[in-house]
Amino acid sequence: MADKEKWQWQTPGTAWKGAALYHITMTVTDRQPVLGGLITPNGDPAKTFVVRTALGDALVDCLMSIPRHHPEVQVLHFCLMPDHLHAVLYVQRSMPKGIGTVARGFWQAAKKLGRAITTPSFANSAPSFITPNNIREKLKEESRQLQTLAATLREQMGDEAYYRLAPVFAEMPFIRPMAHYSQLPNTIRYIDMNPQRLATKRLKPGFFRVQKSITIGDRSYDGVGNVALLMNERYATVHIRHLLVEQATHGMTEPLRNYKNSCVLKARGGVVMVSPFISPDEKQVMQVLLREQHPFILLTDNGFRDYYKPADALFDACAEGRLLILSPWPYDSGKRHISRADCVALNAMAEEIAEQGTVGATP
């Protein structure tokens, strides 16, 4: 059987019972770092790793036990962070009740562990983090103690007292189905980069903090990145008109190629390029800017949620001060696709920024 035939994907709106890949995220309420501690040797984010707490270790054990209860589910990959857990689950064949049932069972088990760790009987008996002197055995013993306590706590305390304990995990895991098997490598890379990127954000907080009310001319934006890019002397837009694309589709490729080359040449000359980079050709220009490490300003159609961080190469550009991302609109969790009206508006804003330069720019 060919590789592509091994995977069966869900149609949007279905109950997610068939074979598929899922990215599951379990997050601690209020983002408290109770699952582990971030260690960055010699201040090098690339070497960052997470040291688990007893709760973090017990949560991983709980995750890895899912196939015992649901044999059709395989845990392909995971990454524990101080305040959340990422996992990739592979459902190998059709399930009776769907992935939601799996996630709910995992959540209920995690809540028991979270309640147990808030009890004085456990909190007073276990250190917060493992140390070089007790790395594995001590942690495993604490994890076993926590799981034993979680299994009997409700019976010991009674329902009323038990449900007054903080659950730690108040929200169900977030489930993201992968639309195609090709998403798996990118998802695993995203998960694996979490420790390094968190370390980078902590080392350079100014470039990753959402900054409100950045005024450029008569318009206000929220932004992430290096606002000093608004102090440059020269700006130009990347806006590929429909006519150039039409000409290229009919064999006249030179005008489009010349325009894209001219954008790169401007960037090489110290001009800060400004664009929403919407079309495939505009995205090609952005990829060259990223590869050659030129600074640029990216306009986006959605704002910035809590704990926002750019993805992949944009993250690296942000960390190095080569990128400013601006949005004129607040974050909308329900927004999925950019509209034509948004495209037109963002291109107009790019023109405004390029024309005004530093005039009226207030980071």
Protein backbone atom coordinates (compact mmCIF):
# COMPACT_ATOMS: atom_id res chain seq x y z
CA MET A 1 0.00 0.00 0.00
CA ALA A 2 1.36 3.44 -0.88
CA ASP A 3 2.12 5.78 2.01
CA LYS A 4 -0.64 8.20 1.11
CA GLU A 5 -3.19 5.38 1.14
CA LYS A 6 -2.34 4.52 4.75
CA TRP A 7 -3.81 7.77 6.03
CA GLN A 8 -7.49 8.58 6.18
CA TRP A 9 -8.42 12.17 6.93
CA GLN A 10 -11.44 13.68 8.57
CA THR A 11 -13.95 15.84 6.77
CA PRO A 12 -14.60 19.11 8.67
CA GLY A 13 -17.63 18.76 10.92
CA THR A 14 -17.34 15.01 11.43
CA ALA A 15 -17.04 13.31 14.81
CA TRP A 16 -13.34 12.53 14.28
CA LYS A 17 -13.74 8.78 14.71
CA GLY A 18 -11.63 7.60 11.78
CA ALA A 19 -7.91 7.11 11.38
CA ALA A 20 -6.06 10.43 11.58
CA LEU A 21 -3.29 12.43 13.20
CA TYR A 22 -4.06 14.90 15.99
CA HIS A 23 -2.04 17.58 17.73
CA ILE A 24 -3.15 17.73 21.38
CA THR A 25 -2.23 20.59 23.75
CA MET A 26 -2.88 20.48 27.51
CA THR A 27 -2.37 23.83 29.27
CA VAL A 28 -2.08 24.71 32.95
CA THR A 29 -4.61 27.27 34.20
CA ASP A 30 -3.05 30.75 34.43
CA ARG A 31 0.09 29.37 32.81
CA GLN A 32 1.73 28.50 36.12
CA PRO A 33 5.05 26.64 35.54
CA VAL A 34 4.15 23.61 37.65
CA LEU A 35 5.18 20.97 35.10
CA GLY A 36 8.87 21.74 34.85
CA GLY A 37 11.67 24.26 34.81
CA LEU A 38 13.44 25.67 31.75
CA ILE A 39 17.21 25.18 31.78
CA THR A 40 19.40 27.12 29.30
CA PRO A 41 23.07 26.09 29.66
CA ASN A 42 25.51 28.97 29.14
CA GLY A 43 22.64 31.17 27.94
CA ASP A 44 22.41 29.24 24.66
CA PRO A 45 18.75 28.75 23.65
CA ALA A 46 19.70 25.93 21.26
CA LYS A 47 20.75 23.82 24.26
CA THR A 48 17.60 24.49 26.30
CA PHE A 49 15.77 21.61 27.94
CA VAL A 50 12.99 21.19 30.49
CA VAL A 51 13.53 19.60 33.90
CA ARG A 52 10.28 17.93 34.97
CA THR A 53 8.52 18.27 38.27
CA ALA A 54 6.72 15.30 39.81
CA LEU A 55 3.47 16.58 38.27
CA GLY A 56 5.13 16.93 34.86
CA ASP A 57 6.53 13.42 35.05
CA ALA A 58 3.20 11.98 36.17
CA LEU A 59 1.41 13.83 33.35
CA VAL A 60 3.80 12.30 30.79
CA ASP A 61 3.16 8.85 32.30
CA CYS A 62 -0.57 9.53 31.98
CA LEU A 63 -0.12 10.50 28.32
CA MET A 64 1.91 7.39 27.56
CA SER A 65 -0.78 5.20 29.14
CA ILE A 66 -3.41 6.25 26.57
CA PRO A 67 -2.70 3.24 24.27
CA ARG A 68 -3.46 0.87 27.17
CA HIS A 69 -7.01 2.25 27.32
CA HIS A 70 -7.34 2.91 23.57
CA PRO A 71 -5.23 0.37 21.64
CA GLU A 72 -6.04 2.06 18.34
CA VAL A 73 -4.20 5.21 19.50
CA GLN A 74 -0.44 5.62 19.28
CA VAL A 75 1.51 8.45 20.96
CA LEU A 76 3.91 9.50 18.18
CA HIS A 77 5.62 12.45 19.82
CA PHE A 78 5.41 14.83 22.79
CA CYS A 79 7.13 17.78 24.43
CA LEU A 80 6.59 18.85 28.04
CA MET A 81 6.92 22.57 28.76
CA PRO A 82 6.79 24.32 32.16
CA ASP A 83 3.11 25.22 31.71
CA HIS A 84 1.78 22.99 28.93
CA LEU A 85 2.18 19.69 27.13
CA HIS A 86 2.19 19.06 23.38
CA ALA A 87 1.52 15.61 21.94
CA VAL A 88 0.89 14.07 18.54
CA LEU A 89 -1.55 11.15 18.57
CA TYR A 90 -2.00 8.77 15.66
CA VAL A 91 -5.40 7.08 15.52
CA GLN A 92 -4.59 3.96 13.47
CA ARG A 93 -8.14 2.76 12.81
CA SER A 94 -11.74 3.81 13.35
CA MET A 95 -12.77 4.36 16.99
CA PRO A 96 -16.18 3.70 18.55
CA LYS A 97 -16.52 7.18 20.10
CA GLY A 98 -13.85 9.41 18.56
CA ILE A 99 -10.79 11.37 19.65
CA GLY A 100 -12.89 13.59 21.94
CA THR A 101 -13.45 10.65 24.26
CA VAL A 102 -9.70 9.99 24.39
CA ALA A 103 -8.97 13.65 25.16
CA ARG A 104 -11.65 13.77 27.86
CA GLY A 105 -10.26 10.69 29.60
CA PHE A 106 -6.74 12.14 29.52
CA TRP A 107 -8.07 15.43 30.89
CA GLN A 108 -9.91 13.74 33.76
CA ALA A 109 -6.77 11.83 34.72
CA ALA A 110 -4.70 15.02 34.52
CA LYS A 111 -7.19 16.88 36.74
CA LYS A 112 -6.82 14.19 39.41
CA LEU A 113 -3.05 14.63 39.33
CA GLY A 114 -3.41 18.40 39.47
CA ARG A 115 -5.72 18.27 42.47
CA ALA A 116 -3.40 15.87 44.27
CA ILE A 117 -0.38 18.14 43.94
CA THR A 118 -2.28 21.03 45.59
CA THR A 119 -2.83 19.06 48.80
CA PRO A 120 -0.55 19.89 51.75
CA SER A 121 0.22 16.19 52.19
CA PHE A 122 2.01 16.12 48.84
CA ALA A 123 3.18 19.72 48.52
CA ASN A 124 5.06 19.53 51.83
CA SER A 125 6.72 16.22 51.07
CA ALA A 126 8.21 16.83 47.62
CA PRO A 127 10.65 19.41 46.25
CA SER A 128 9.48 21.47 43.30
CA PHE A 129 12.15 20.29 40.89
CA ILE A 130 14.61 17.47 40.64
CA THR A 131 18.29 18.25 41.32
CA PRO A 132 21.52 16.76 39.96
CA ASN A 133 21.69 14.52 43.04
CA ASN A 134 18.29 12.89 42.69
CA ILE A 135 17.59 13.14 38.98
CA ARG A 136 15.67 10.00 38.06
CA GLU A 137 14.96 7.86 41.09
CA LYS A 138 13.71 10.71 43.27
CA LEU A 139 11.51 12.05 40.49
CA LYS A 140 10.00 8.66 39.73
CA GLU A 141 9.30 8.08 43.41
CA GLU A 142 7.55 11.45 43.71
CA SER A 143 5.60 10.73 40.53
CA ARG A 144 4.46 7.37 41.91
CA GLN A 145 3.45 9.02 45.20
CA LEU A 146 1.44 11.62 43.31
CA GLN A 147 -0.37 9.04 41.20
CA THR A 148 -1.16 6.92 44.26
CA LEU A 149 -2.49 9.98 46.09
CA ALA A 150 -4.58 11.02 43.07
CA ALA A 151 -6.16 7.57 42.89
CA THR A 152 -7.40 7.67 46.51
CA LEU A 153 -7.83 11.37 47.24
CA ARG A 154 -11.53 11.74 46.48
CA GLU A 155 -12.37 8.70 48.60
CA GLN A 156 -10.25 10.03 51.49
CA MET A 157 -11.58 13.60 51.41
CA GLY A 158 -15.18 13.15 50.29
CA ASP A 159 -16.73 14.80 47.25
CA GLU A 160 -17.34 18.25 48.72
CA ALA A 161 -13.79 18.82 49.96
CA TYR A 162 -12.28 17.15 46.89
CA TYR A 163 -14.01 19.44 44.41
CA ARG A 164 -12.87 22.50 46.34
CA LEU A 165 -9.27 21.62 45.43
CA ALA A 166 -7.81 23.55 42.51
CA PRO A 167 -7.90 21.26 39.43
CA VAL A 168 -4.76 22.89 37.87
CA PHE A 169 -6.01 21.72 34.46
CA ALA A 170 -9.33 23.53 34.16
CA GLU A 171 -9.68 23.41 30.38
CA MET A 172 -9.98 20.37 28.16
CA PRO A 173 -7.04 19.67 25.85
CA PHE A 174 -7.07 21.58 22.59
CA ILE A 175 -7.38 19.17 19.64
CA ARG A 176 -6.13 20.11 16.20
CA PRO A 177 -6.67 17.50 13.44
CA MET A 178 -4.03 17.46 10.73
CA ALA A 179 -5.57 17.92 7.33
CA HIS A 180 -2.87 15.90 5.60
CA TYR A 181 -0.05 13.56 6.55
CA SER A 182 2.53 16.05 5.21
CA GLN A 183 1.78 18.31 8.20
CA LEU A 184 3.37 15.79 10.58
CA PRO A 185 7.05 16.82 10.13
CA ASN A 186 6.23 20.52 10.56
CA THR A 187 4.13 19.81 13.65
CA ILE A 188 6.91 17.74 15.24
CA ARG A 189 9.44 20.45 14.45
CA TYR A 190 7.16 23.08 16.01
CA ILE A 191 6.79 20.96 19.14
CA ASP A 192 10.52 20.27 19.44
CA MET A 193 11.38 23.96 19.04
CA ASN A 194 9.19 25.01 21.98
CA PRO A 195 11.94 24.98 24.65
CA GLN A 196 14.41 26.86 22.46
CA ARG A 197 11.85 29.48 21.50
CA LEU A 198 10.68 30.03 25.06
CA ALA A 199 14.31 30.52 26.12
CA THR A 200 14.82 33.00 23.28
CA LYS A 201 11.71 34.95 24.29
CA ARG A 202 12.96 35.16 27.87
CA LEU A 203 16.40 36.31 26.76
CA LYS A 204 14.94 38.95 24.41
CA PRO A 205 11.55 39.85 25.88
CA GLY A 206 11.33 43.22 24.16
CA PHE A 207 11.08 41.69 20.70
CA PHE A 208 8.27 39.31 21.66
CA ARG A 209 6.09 41.44 23.90
CA VAL A 210 2.87 42.64 22.24
CA GLN A 211 3.13 46.42 22.07
CA LYS A 212 -0.11 48.34 21.95
CA SER A 213 -1.06 51.56 20.19
CA ILE A 214 1.90 52.04 17.86
CA THR A 215 0.86 55.21 16.04
CA ILE A 216 1.90 55.70 12.42
CA GLY A 217 0.30 58.73 10.85
CA ASP A 218 -3.38 58.70 11.75
CA ARG A 219 -3.54 54.96 12.34
CA SER A 220 -2.84 52.82 15.41
CA TYR A 221 -1.40 49.31 15.34
CA ASP A 222 -0.48 46.55 17.75
CA GLY A 223 2.92 45.09 17.07
CA VAL A 224 5.46 42.38 17.85
CA GLY A 225 9.12 42.72 17.00
CA ASN A 226 11.63 45.50 16.62
CA VAL A 227 9.79 48.84 16.64
CA ALA A 228 13.09 50.58 15.91
CA LEU A 229 12.49 49.57 12.29
CA LEU A 230 9.99 52.44 12.25
CA MET A 231 12.95 54.81 12.58
CA ASN A 232 14.50 53.86 9.24
CA GLU A 233 15.06 56.51 6.59
CA ARG A 234 13.78 54.60 3.55
CA TYR A 235 10.82 52.28 2.99
CA ALA A 236 9.23 50.61 -0.01
CA THR A 237 6.28 48.28 -0.48
CA VAL A 238 6.10 44.80 -1.93
CA HIS A 239 2.82 44.76 -3.81
CA ILE A 240 2.59 42.62 -6.93
CA ARG A 241 -0.24 43.86 -9.10
CA HIS A 242 -2.66 41.54 -10.84
CA LEU A 243 -1.47 42.72 -14.26
CA LEU A 244 2.04 41.36 -13.67
CA VAL A 245 0.65 37.97 -12.66
CA GLU A 246 -1.66 37.89 -15.70
CA GLN A 247 1.25 38.68 -18.01
CA ALA A 248 3.31 35.90 -16.45
CA THR A 249 0.52 33.35 -16.95
CA HIS A 250 0.57 34.23 -20.66
CA GLY A 251 4.31 33.75 -21.01
CA MET A 252 5.47 37.32 -20.32
CA THR A 253 7.43 36.45 -17.16
CA GLU A 254 10.09 39.14 -17.36
CA PRO A 255 8.09 42.08 -15.86
CA LEU A 256 7.12 40.02 -12.80
CA ARG A 257 10.64 38.69 -12.36
CA ASN A 258 12.11 42.19 -12.69
CA TYR A 259 9.72 43.56 -10.10
CA LYS A 260 10.56 40.86 -7.56
CA ASN A 261 14.28 41.35 -8.20
CA SER A 262 13.87 45.11 -7.73
CA CYS A 263 12.33 44.52 -4.29
CA VAL A 264 15.29 42.41 -3.23
CA LEU A 265 17.78 44.94 -4.61
CA LYS A 266 16.10 47.70 -2.61
CA ALA A 267 16.38 45.61 0.55
CA ARG A 268 20.06 44.98 -0.17
CA GLY A 269 20.48 48.74 -0.42
CA GLY A 270 19.12 49.32 3.10
CA VAL A 271 15.45 49.96 2.29
CA VAL A 272 12.98 48.43 4.76
CA MET A 273 10.34 46.60 2.75
CA VAL A 274 6.73 46.81 3.94
CA SER A 275 3.94 44.44 2.91
CA PRO A 276 1.29 41.96 4.06
CA PHE A 277 3.05 39.49 1.69
CA ILE A 278 -0.24 37.88 0.66
CA SER A 279 0.22 36.42 -2.82
CA PRO A 280 2.56 33.49 -3.58
CA ASP A 281 4.93 35.80 -5.48
CA GLU A 282 5.02 38.26 -2.58
CA LYS A 283 5.74 35.37 -0.23
CA GLN A 284 8.68 34.42 -2.47
CA VAL A 285 10.11 37.90 -1.97
CA MET A 286 9.65 37.56 1.80
CA GLN A 287 11.49 34.22 1.75
CA VAL A 288 14.46 35.90 0.05
CA LEU A 289 14.39 38.71 2.64
CA LEU A 290 14.45 36.10 5.39
CA ARG A 291 17.18 34.04 3.74
CA GLU A 292 19.40 37.09 3.16
CA GLN A 293 18.54 38.48 6.61
CA HIS A 294 17.15 41.84 5.52
CA PRO A 295 14.83 43.73 7.92
CA PHE A 296 11.20 44.18 6.90
CA ILE A 297 7.74 45.07 8.22
CA LEU A 298 4.92 42.53 7.90
CA LEU A 299 1.27 43.59 8.15
CA THR A 300 -1.17 40.90 9.28
CA ASP A 301 -4.95 40.63 9.14
CA ASN A 302 -5.34 39.34 12.71
CA GLY A 303 -4.06 40.66 16.01
CA PHE A 304 -1.98 38.95 18.67
CA ARG A 305 -3.33 36.45 21.18
CA ASP A 306 -1.80 35.93 24.60
CA TYR A 307 1.59 34.20 24.43
CA TYR A 308 1.81 34.90 20.70
CA LYS A 309 5.04 33.99 18.96
CA PRO A 310 5.85 34.04 15.25
CA ALA A 311 6.44 30.72 13.52
CA ASP A 312 9.63 29.23 12.09
CA ALA A 313 11.85 31.67 10.18
CA LEU A 314 9.76 34.66 11.29
CA PHE A 315 10.56 33.76 14.90
CA ASP A 316 14.30 33.82 14.19
CA ALA A 317 14.02 37.14 12.34
CA CYS A 318 12.08 38.58 15.27
CA ALA A 319 14.67 37.38 17.79
CA GLU A 320 17.43 39.03 15.75
CA GLY A 321 15.59 42.36 15.46
CA ARG A 322 15.00 42.07 11.71
CA LEU A 323 11.21 41.97 11.81
CA LEU A 324 8.27 44.05 12.95
CA ILE A 325 4.79 42.54 12.65
CA LEU A 326 1.92 45.03 12.75
CA SER A 327 -1.83 44.53 12.90
CA PRO A 328 -4.46 47.29 12.83
CA TRP A 329 -7.11 44.91 14.21
CA PRO A 330 -7.48 43.04 17.51
CA TYR A 331 -7.10 39.26 17.72
CA ASP A 332 -10.13 37.26 16.59
CA SER A 333 -10.00 33.57 17.54
CA GLY A 334 -12.71 32.77 14.98
CA LYS A 335 -10.91 34.30 12.02
CA ARG A 336 -9.64 31.66 9.59
CA HIS A 337 -9.24 33.28 6.16
CA ILE A 338 -8.21 36.69 4.94
CA SER A 339 -10.87 38.50 2.88
CA ARG A 340 -10.33 40.52 -0.28
CA ALA A 341 -11.33 43.66 1.65
CA ASP A 342 -8.63 42.89 4.23
CA CYS A 343 -6.06 42.45 1.45
CA VAL A 344 -6.91 45.78 -0.10
CA ALA A 345 -6.84 47.55 3.27
CA LEU A 346 -3.50 46.05 4.32
CA ASN A 347 -1.85 46.96 1.02
CA ALA A 348 -3.11 50.51 1.43
CA MET A 349 -1.66 50.63 4.96
CA ALA A 350 1.69 49.40 3.64
CA GLU A 351 1.66 52.30 1.17
CA GLU A 352 0.90 54.73 4.01
CA ILE A 353 3.80 53.45 6.11
CA ALA A 354 6.20 53.55 3.17
CA GLU A 355 5.17 57.11 2.26
CA GLN A 356 5.27 58.52 5.78
CA GLY A 357 8.48 56.87 6.92
CA THR A 358 9.32 58.12 10.38
CA VAL A 359 6.82 60.98 10.20
CA GLY A 360 4.30 60.47 12.99
CA ALA A 361 5.66 57.05 13.98
CA THR A 362 5.40 56.61 17.75
CA PRO A 363 6.57 53.23 19.07
